[in-house]
Protein backbone atom coordinates (compact mmCIF):
# COMPACT_ATOMS: atom_id res chain seq x y z
CA MET A 1 -13.35 -43.30 0.60
CA LEU A 2 -13.81 -40.59 -2.04
CA ILE A 3 -16.40 -38.85 0.14
CA LEU A 4 -13.98 -38.86 3.09
CA ILE A 5 -11.30 -37.24 0.94
CA ILE A 6 -13.76 -34.58 -0.27
CA VAL A 7 -14.85 -33.87 3.32
CA ALA A 8 -11.22 -33.59 4.48
CA ILE A 9 -10.40 -31.14 1.67
CA GLU A 10 -13.52 -29.09 2.43
CA ILE A 11 -12.62 -28.85 6.14
CA LEU A 12 -9.01 -27.89 5.40
CA LEU A 13 -9.92 -25.21 2.88
CA LEU A 14 -12.73 -23.85 5.04
CA GLY A 15 -10.33 -23.52 7.96
CA ILE A 16 -7.63 -21.70 5.99
CA VAL A 17 -9.85 -19.36 3.98
CA GLY A 18 -12.17 -18.83 6.94
CA LEU A 19 -9.22 -17.60 9.03
CA PHE A 20 -8.28 -15.09 6.34
CA PHE A 21 -11.79 -13.68 6.05
CA LEU A 22 -12.36 -13.67 9.81
CA TYR A 23 -9.13 -11.68 10.21
CA LEU A 24 -10.15 -9.19 7.52
CA ALA A 25 -13.67 -8.76 8.91
CA LEU A 26 -12.20 -8.11 12.38
CA LEU A 27 -9.89 -5.41 11.00
CA SER A 28 -12.80 -3.65 9.28
CA ILE A 29 -14.87 -3.69 12.48
CA LEU A 30 -11.94 -2.32 14.50
CA ALA A 31 -11.37 0.36 11.86
CA PHE A 32 -15.02 1.39 12.06
CA PHE A 33 -14.61 2.31 15.73
CA ARG A 34 -11.19 3.95 15.32
CA HIS A 35 -11.38 7.71 14.73
CA ASN A 36 -8.74 10.03 13.33
CA ARG A 37 -7.15 12.55 15.63
CA LYS A 38 -8.37 16.10 15.12
CA GLU A 39 -5.84 17.98 17.23
CA LEU A 40 -2.32 17.50 15.88
CA SER A 41 -0.44 20.54 17.12
CA ALA A 42 3.15 20.07 18.34
CA SER A 43 5.59 22.29 20.20
CA ARG A 44 8.50 21.51 17.87
CA LEU A 45 8.92 21.70 14.11
CA HIS A 46 11.09 18.95 12.68
CA ARG A 47 13.12 19.47 9.52
CA PHE A 48 12.12 17.19 6.65
CA ALA A 49 13.58 16.01 3.37
CA ILE A 50 10.77 14.98 1.02
CA VAL A 51 12.36 12.44 -1.31
CA VAL A 52 10.77 11.85 -4.71
CA PRO A 53 12.23 8.84 -6.57
CA ALA A 54 11.83 9.46 -10.30
CA HIS A 55 12.65 7.43 -13.37
CA ASN A 56 11.60 9.25 -16.59
CA GLU A 57 8.76 11.13 -14.89
CA GLU A 58 8.75 14.44 -16.78
CA LEU A 59 5.06 14.01 -17.61
CA THR A 60 3.86 13.94 -13.99
CA ILE A 61 6.56 15.33 -11.74
CA GLU A 62 5.71 19.00 -12.33
CA LYS A 63 2.29 18.56 -10.71
CA THR A 64 3.77 16.56 -7.86
CA LEU A 65 6.42 19.18 -7.12
CA LYS A 66 3.97 22.08 -7.23
CA ASN A 67 1.86 20.21 -4.71
CA LEU A 68 4.75 19.38 -2.37
CA ILE A 69 6.25 22.86 -2.41
CA ALA A 70 2.86 24.25 -1.35
CA VAL A 71 2.17 21.97 1.63
CA ASN A 72 1.07 23.71 4.82
CA TYR A 73 4.41 23.73 6.65
CA PRO A 74 7.09 26.42 7.10
CA ARG A 75 9.16 26.38 3.91
CA LYS A 76 12.48 26.71 5.73
CA HIS A 77 11.80 23.45 7.55
CA PHE A 78 11.64 21.16 4.52
CA ASP A 79 13.36 20.49 1.21
CA VAL A 80 11.97 18.63 -1.78
CA VAL A 81 14.62 16.26 -3.14
CA VAL A 82 14.25 14.46 -6.48
CA ILE A 83 16.29 11.37 -7.34
CA ALA A 84 16.57 11.41 -11.13
CA ASP A 85 17.42 7.73 -11.40
CA ASN A 86 18.79 6.52 -14.74
CA CYS A 87 16.63 9.08 -16.53
CA THR A 88 16.76 9.60 -20.28
CA ASP A 89 14.21 12.43 -20.40
CA ARG A 90 13.94 15.93 -18.86
CA THR A 91 12.99 14.80 -15.35
CA ALA A 92 16.00 16.48 -13.73
CA GLU A 93 15.55 19.75 -15.62
CA VAL A 94 11.83 19.95 -14.84
CA ALA A 95 12.51 19.23 -11.16
CA ARG A 96 15.13 22.00 -10.89
CA GLU A 97 12.82 24.44 -12.63
CA HIS A 98 10.26 23.85 -9.90
CA GLY A 99 12.49 24.37 -6.90
CA ALA A 100 13.61 20.84 -6.08
CA ILE A 101 17.08 19.73 -5.07
CA VAL A 102 18.03 17.18 -7.72
CA TYR A 103 20.47 14.30 -7.42
CA GLU A 104 21.11 12.52 -10.69
CA ARG A 105 22.02 8.86 -10.45
CA THR A 106 23.30 6.69 -13.28
CA ASN A 107 24.02 3.06 -12.53
CA SER A 108 23.10 0.41 -15.07
CA ASN A 109 24.02 -2.45 -12.73
CA LEU A 110 22.17 -1.44 -9.54
CA ARG A 111 18.79 -0.49 -10.91
CA GLY A 112 15.54 -0.07 -9.01
CA LYS A 113 13.81 2.10 -6.45
CA GLY A 114 15.49 0.41 -3.48
CA HIS A 115 18.99 1.16 -4.78
CA ALA A 116 17.99 4.73 -5.63
CA LEU A 117 16.61 5.32 -2.14
CA ARG A 118 19.66 3.91 -0.35
CA TRP A 119 21.99 6.02 -2.51
CA CYS A 120 20.00 9.18 -1.77
CA PHE A 121 19.54 8.48 1.95
CA ASP A 122 23.32 8.08 2.31
CA ILE A 123 23.78 11.53 0.77
CA LEU A 124 21.06 13.17 2.85
CA MET A 125 22.27 11.70 6.13
CA SER A 126 25.44 13.81 5.79
CA HIS A 127 23.59 16.94 4.63
CA GLN A 128 24.10 20.17 6.58
CA PRO A 129 22.00 21.47 8.16
CA SER A 130 20.85 17.99 9.06
CA TYR A 131 17.36 16.60 8.51
CA ASP A 132 15.29 15.21 11.38
CA ALA A 133 13.20 12.96 9.16
CA PHE A 134 12.83 11.70 5.60
CA VAL A 135 9.58 11.36 3.66
CA VAL A 136 9.13 9.35 0.44
CA ILE A 137 6.48 10.45 -2.08
CA ASP A 138 6.07 8.86 -5.50
CA ALA A 139 6.54 11.07 -8.57
CA ASP A 140 2.95 10.49 -9.77
CA SER A 141 1.33 11.44 -6.47
CA VAL A 142 0.11 14.42 -4.50
CA ALA A 143 0.00 14.88 -0.73
CA ALA A 144 -2.64 16.45 1.47
CA ALA A 145 -1.86 19.96 2.64
CA ASN A 146 -1.44 18.85 6.25
CA PHE A 147 0.93 15.99 5.43
CA LEU A 148 4.07 17.33 7.16
CA LEU A 149 2.09 18.73 10.09
CA VAL A 150 0.74 15.23 10.73
CA MET A 151 4.16 13.61 10.37
CA ASN A 152 5.62 16.24 12.69
CA TRP A 153 3.00 15.42 15.36
CA TYR A 154 3.69 11.68 15.18
CA LEU A 155 7.45 12.24 15.41
CA GLU A 156 6.97 14.56 18.36
CA ASN A 157 4.92 11.87 20.08
CA GLY A 158 7.50 9.14 19.76
CA SER A 159 6.94 7.53 16.36
CA THR A 160 10.06 6.69 14.35
CA VAL A 161 8.54 5.05 11.24
CA ILE A 162 5.21 6.30 9.92
CA GLN A 163 2.99 5.32 7.02
CA ALA A 164 0.36 7.71 5.67
CA SER A 165 -2.86 6.70 3.90
CA ASP A 166 -1.70 5.68 0.41
CA LEU A 167 -4.79 6.07 -1.75
CA VAL A 168 -5.84 6.39 -5.38
CA GLU A 169 -7.38 9.29 -7.29
CA PRO A 170 -11.09 8.66 -8.02
CA ARG A 171 -11.81 7.99 -11.69
CA PRO A 172 -15.48 6.93 -11.85
CA GLY A 173 -16.22 4.77 -14.87
CA VAL A 174 -12.62 3.59 -15.35
CA TRP A 175 -13.11 0.05 -14.12
CA SER A 176 -9.45 -0.96 -13.65
CA SER A 177 -8.54 2.20 -11.76
CA GLU A 178 -11.67 2.05 -9.60
CA VAL A 179 -11.12 -1.58 -8.56
CA ILE A 180 -7.53 -0.71 -7.65
CA ARG A 181 -8.88 2.27 -5.68
CA LEU A 182 -11.18 -0.10 -3.81
CA GLY A 183 -8.24 -2.37 -3.06
CA PHE A 184 -6.05 0.53 -1.92
CA THR A 185 -8.79 1.85 0.37
CA LEU A 186 -9.17 -1.53 2.06
CA TYR A 187 -5.50 -2.53 2.07
CA ASN A 188 -3.85 0.86 2.68
CA TYR A 189 -6.44 2.51 4.92
CA VAL A 190 -8.96 0.13 6.50
CA ARG A 191 -6.61 -2.72 7.39
CA PRO A 192 -3.84 -0.48 8.79
CA LEU A 193 -6.47 1.40 10.80
CA GLY A 194 -7.70 -1.88 12.27
CA ARG A 195 -4.16 -3.10 12.90
CA SER A 196 -3.27 0.14 14.66
CA ALA A 197 -6.22 -0.46 17.02
CA LEU A 198 -4.45 -3.71 17.97
CA ARG A 199 -1.20 -1.72 18.41
CA CYS A 200 0.40 -3.75 15.63
CA SER A 201 2.92 -2.58 13.05
CA THR A 202 0.95 -1.41 10.04
CA GLY A 203 3.68 -1.95 7.43
CA LEU A 204 5.07 0.29 4.71
CA ARG A 205 3.34 0.92 1.38
CA GLY A 206 6.12 2.65 -0.57
CA ASN A 207 4.31 5.97 -0.96
CA GLY A 208 3.78 8.41 1.93
CA MET A 209 6.44 6.86 4.18
CA CYS A 210 8.27 8.82 6.88
CA PHE A 211 11.45 7.81 8.72
CA ALA A 212 13.01 9.52 11.71
CA ARG A 213 16.74 10.10 11.31
CA GLU A 214 17.53 7.71 14.14
CA ILE A 215 16.06 4.79 12.18
CA PHE A 216 18.63 5.11 9.39
CA GLU A 217 21.37 5.60 11.97
CA LYS A 218 20.41 2.30 13.64
CA PHE A 219 19.07 0.36 10.66
CA PRO A 220 20.02 1.77 7.23
CA TRP A 221 17.83 1.07 4.23
CA ASN A 222 19.02 -2.24 2.78
CA THR A 223 16.24 -3.75 0.68
CA TYR A 224 16.36 -3.84 -3.11
CA SER A 225 13.64 -6.29 -4.13
CA LEU A 226 10.57 -5.48 -6.25
CA ASN A 227 8.66 -4.88 -2.98
CA GLU A 228 11.46 -3.08 -1.17
CA ASP A 229 9.05 -1.17 1.09
CA LEU A 230 7.25 -4.28 2.35
CA GLU A 231 10.53 -6.10 2.91
CA TYR A 232 12.06 -3.20 4.84
CA SER A 233 9.01 -2.95 7.12
CA LEU A 234 9.26 -6.68 7.91
CA GLN A 235 12.96 -6.32 8.68
CA LEU A 236 12.14 -3.42 10.98
CA LEU A 237 9.49 -5.48 12.78
CA LEU A 238 11.82 -8.45 13.28
CA ASN A 239 14.39 -6.02 14.72
CA GLY A 240 11.96 -4.46 17.18
CA PHE A 241 10.75 -1.36 15.27
CA THR A 242 7.06 -0.61 14.73
CA VAL A 243 5.54 1.21 11.76
CA ASP A 244 2.82 3.57 13.01
CA PHE A 245 -0.15 4.41 10.81
CA ALA A 246 -1.11 8.07 10.32
CA PRO A 247 -4.59 8.03 8.73
CA GLU A 248 -4.82 11.81 9.08
CA ALA A 249 -2.16 12.27 6.36
CA GLN A 250 -2.86 11.16 2.83
CA VAL A 251 -1.17 10.75 -0.53
CA LEU A 252 -3.07 10.21 -3.76
CA ALA A 253 -1.60 8.32 -6.70
CA THR A 254 -2.95 8.31 -10.25
CA MET A 255 -3.67 4.91 -11.74
CA PRO A 256 -3.57 4.44 -15.53
CA SER A 257 -6.93 4.68 -17.25
CA SER A 258 -5.90 1.84 -19.55
CA ALA A 259 -5.89 -1.66 -18.11
CA ARG A 260 -3.05 -2.46 -20.50
CA HIS A 261 -0.92 0.31 -18.99
CA ALA A 262 -1.74 -0.90 -15.47
CA GLN A 263 -0.51 -4.39 -16.22
CA SER A 264 3.22 -3.75 -15.66
CA GLN A 265 2.47 -2.16 -12.30
CA ARG A 266 0.30 -5.05 -11.18
CA MET A 267 2.90 -7.54 -12.39
CA ARG A 268 5.55 -5.84 -10.26
CA TRP A 269 3.34 -5.90 -7.16
CA GLU A 270 2.30 -9.52 -7.60
CA LYS A 271 5.66 -10.84 -8.75
CA GLY A 272 7.53 -9.04 -5.99
CA ARG A 273 5.34 -10.42 -3.23
CA PHE A 274 6.08 -14.11 -3.78
CA PRO A 275 9.78 -14.09 -2.76
CA ILE A 276 8.94 -11.91 0.27
CA ILE A 277 6.42 -14.52 1.43
CA GLN A 278 9.01 -17.27 0.96
CA LYS A 279 11.68 -15.34 2.85
CA TYR A 280 9.75 -13.88 5.78
CA SER A 281 6.65 -15.98 6.51
CA LEU A 282 8.45 -18.62 8.58
CA PRO A 283 10.61 -16.15 10.57
CA LEU A 284 7.48 -14.13 11.40
CA LEU A 285 5.53 -17.22 12.46
CA ARG A 286 8.50 -18.52 14.45
CA ASN A 287 8.85 -15.19 16.25
CA ALA A 288 5.11 -15.06 16.92
CA ILE A 289 5.16 -18.51 18.54
CA THR A 290 8.48 -18.20 20.37
CA ASN A 291 7.87 -14.74 21.80
CA LEU A 292 4.05 -14.83 21.86
CA SER A 293 4.18 -11.76 19.62
CA LEU A 294 0.84 -10.50 18.35
CA LYS A 295 2.70 -8.05 16.11
CA SER A 296 4.58 -10.85 14.36
CA PHE A 297 1.47 -13.02 14.02
CA ASP A 298 -0.46 -10.09 12.59
CA ALA A 299 2.36 -9.38 10.11
CA PHE A 300 2.44 -13.08 9.17
CA LEU A 301 -1.31 -13.12 8.49
CA ASP A 302 -1.09 -9.88 6.51
CA LEU A 303 1.78 -11.26 4.43
CA VAL A 304 0.24 -14.62 3.54
CA THR A 305 -3.34 -13.42 3.04
CA PRO A 306 -4.01 -13.57 -0.72
CA PRO A 307 -5.35 -10.49 -2.55
CA LEU A 308 -9.04 -9.90 -1.91
CA VAL A 309 -10.07 -10.56 -5.52
CA ASN A 310 -8.26 -13.90 -5.41
CA LEU A 311 -10.01 -14.83 -2.16
CA PHE A 312 -13.46 -13.93 -3.45
CA SER A 313 -12.83 -15.82 -6.68
CA PHE A 314 -11.71 -18.94 -4.82
CA VAL A 315 -14.55 -18.86 -2.28
CA SER A 316 -17.14 -18.32 -5.03
CA LEU A 317 -15.71 -21.30 -6.90
CA MET A 318 -15.78 -23.52 -3.79
CA PHE A 319 -19.33 -22.44 -2.97
CA THR A 320 -20.46 -23.32 -6.50
CA VAL A 321 -18.67 -26.70 -6.55
CA THR A 322 -19.96 -27.64 -3.09
CA LEU A 323 -23.48 -26.58 -4.02
CA PHE A 324 -23.40 -28.86 -7.09
CA LEU A 325 -22.06 -31.75 -4.99
CA TRP A 326 -24.94 -31.21 -2.58
CA LEU A 327 -27.48 -31.12 -5.42
CA PHE A 328 -26.03 -34.39 -6.75
CA GLY A 329 -26.66 -36.02 -3.38
CA ILE A 330 -23.17 -36.12 -1.84
CA ALA A 331 -23.68 -36.52 1.93
CA GLY A 332 -22.76 -33.59 4.16
CA MET A 333 -22.30 -31.09 1.34
CA GLY A 334 -25.31 -29.05 2.45
CA SER A 335 -23.54 -28.01 5.67
CA PHE A 336 -20.38 -27.13 3.76
CA THR A 337 -22.38 -25.03 1.29
CA ILE A 338 -23.77 -23.00 4.20
CA LEU A 339 -20.27 -22.57 5.65
CA TRP A 340 -18.92 -21.29 2.33
CA ALA A 341 -21.82 -18.85 2.19
CA LEU A 342 -20.92 -17.65 5.69
CA ILE A 343 -17.34 -17.07 4.58
CA ILE A 344 -18.59 -15.01 1.64
CA PHE A 345 -20.61 -13.03 4.19
CA LEU A 346 -17.45 -12.39 6.23
CA GLY A 347 -15.80 -11.09 3.07
CA LEU A 348 -18.70 -8.75 2.45
CA ILE A 349 -18.40 -7.49 6.05
CA HIS A 350 -14.76 -6.68 5.38
CA VAL A 351 -15.62 -4.75 2.22
CA PHE A 352 -18.74 -2.85 3.22
CA VAL A 353 -17.97 -2.21 6.89
CA GLY A 354 -14.51 -1.18 5.75
CA LEU A 355 -15.93 1.25 3.21
CA ARG A 356 -18.20 2.69 5.91
CA ALA A 357 -15.16 3.11 8.16
CA ALA A 358 -13.42 4.91 5.29
CA LYS A 359 -16.48 7.11 4.63
CA ALA A 360 -16.18 6.07 0.99
CA ASP A 361 -17.97 7.81 -1.86
CA ARG A 362 -20.74 6.08 -3.80
CA SER A 363 -18.61 5.31 -6.85
CA LEU A 364 -16.28 3.26 -4.68
CA TYR A 365 -19.19 1.07 -3.57
CA ARG A 366 -20.15 0.63 -7.23
CA SER A 367 -16.63 -0.49 -8.08
CA PHE A 368 -17.36 -3.76 -6.25
CA LEU A 369 -19.41 -4.70 -9.32
CA TYR A 370 -16.24 -4.57 -11.43
CA ILE A 371 -14.58 -7.37 -9.44
CA PRO A 372 -15.57 -10.26 -11.80
CA ARG A 373 -14.12 -8.36 -14.78
CA TYR A 374 -11.02 -7.49 -12.79
CA ALA A 375 -10.59 -11.14 -11.75
CA VAL A 376 -10.51 -12.24 -15.39
CA TRP A 377 -8.02 -9.46 -16.22
CA LYS A 378 -5.86 -10.44 -13.28
CA LEU A 379 -5.74 -14.04 -14.46
CA GLY A 380 -4.03 -12.70 -17.57
CA VAL A 381 -1.57 -10.82 -15.35
CA TYR A 382 -0.63 -14.06 -13.58
CA MET A 383 -0.14 -15.80 -16.93
CA ASN A 384 2.25 -13.01 -17.95
CA ILE A 385 4.11 -13.34 -14.65
CA VAL A 386 4.70 -17.03 -15.36
CA ARG A 387 6.12 -16.14 -18.78
CA ASP A 388 8.11 -13.14 -17.51
CA VAL A 389 11.84 -13.75 -17.13
CA ARG A 390 13.00 -10.18 -16.52
CA SER A 391 15.41 -9.44 -13.70
CA GLN A 392 14.28 -7.66 -10.56
CA GLU A 393 14.37 -3.96 -11.33
CA TRP A 394 12.27 -0.85 -11.18
CA ILE A 395 9.48 -1.68 -13.66
CA ARG A 396 8.05 1.67 -14.62
CA THR A 397 4.32 1.97 -15.20
CA THR A 398 3.43 3.56 -18.53
CA ARG A 399 2.46 7.19 -17.91
CA GLU A 400 -0.40 8.86 -19.69
CA SER A 401 -0.93 12.57 -20.29
CA SER A 402 0.24 14.95 -17.59
CA THR A 403 -3.28 16.37 -17.55
CA ASP A 404 -4.54 13.11 -16.05
CA ILE A 405 -3.84 14.41 -12.55
CA GLU A 406 -4.65 18.05 -13.19
CA ASN A 407 -7.93 17.85 -11.31
CA VAL A 408 -6.23 16.15 -8.37
CA ILE A 409 -4.20 19.28 -7.55
CA ALA A 410 -6.73 21.18 -5.50
CA THR A 411 -6.16 24.51 -3.83
CA ASN A 412 -4.09 22.59 -1.24
CA LYS A 413 -6.19 24.03 1.56
CA SER A 414 -8.06 20.84 2.37
CA ILE A 415 -7.11 17.33 3.38
CA ASN A 416 -9.81 15.95 1.09
CA LEU A 417 -8.04 16.18 -2.30
CA HIS A 418 -10.97 14.29 -3.87
CA THR A 419 -10.24 11.23 -1.70
CA PRO A 420 -13.02 9.14 -0.18
CA ILE A 421 -11.46 9.41 3.28
CA LYS A 422 -12.69 12.11 5.61
CA GLU A 423 -11.60 13.07 9.09
CA GLY A 424 -13.58 11.17 11.69
């Protein structure tokens, strides 16, 4: 009887985890054969508002604004708008000094990035002359020089919601930052590239988002959770709107060099995802079955697929346990051991074929070796989440010196910006 229970558990877990890894491996293979567009000229120039949400960002926002002001796009066709949200430092003053339009918001009750964005979008929708589209760039990030040219091309060709490649500045040797860069490359570039090959909605990542004016006229921003970007993209999908992926445009964020400083950011990402899964997984699955919607099924799989480090940790554990059961003579465990090894192989396909599709640099391949250390660190993050009783609000990541991103600001003449992604 015990053996039958063990076999049933093995089959169930193999089926669930195998589906996740098969899905991820498929996306990497599709991404490998999907090439970026090289010709992105358009007959019309749209007018953009680049919105930079900022909460006490005086250390980093100067570099961000210098970068955005200098993008390769006619200056009269875009404004840089900073939301100084509940700031207690010189964020607003620094932003004005560098040519940004600044809106200062103080609201101790409605705190968080989602509330700040809705408040600002409402103001900008009535701005004259009117804007054709709205871009969101984080205050610790820089954009590739061609960012608005790419967004303009996608808008001109019918896109209404667009997500750029949201990547991380290379910091070789900084293990926490490099593992996060690996995760961002796979999650924010490779998977969306594969999903776009299936003509699915690629989702929003919070940084490097673009919205046509008509979207906010039809479906105003109305999400205020810790993962407001993910939630809004799922609402859009369930209401018939698709998020298009623009791999040709990139934004680079700076991750903290200290794992301790990165903890609050990771806690926000992980903590914010759980209620989104609870709220949207069943509606997505229901819509996928009822309407035979590949887009909804893809979004469901993307939503419920655990983080890659978690998957690798679990599969490695199951492989080890099953191997020991086989060595102790439990019948049938040899076949299950081989199946767990095959699932690990699918995971490796996702990682290394994905990195090839992304034309990743060598240090990003080496960051795979940091995964065991990162897994232990992440276990501590989950323990802190369990103990955390804070309300849902904009949890600001501790910023380090403003010089941390100095080398990221290139001459703004190249899309590369030290990112592993190159035009294909």
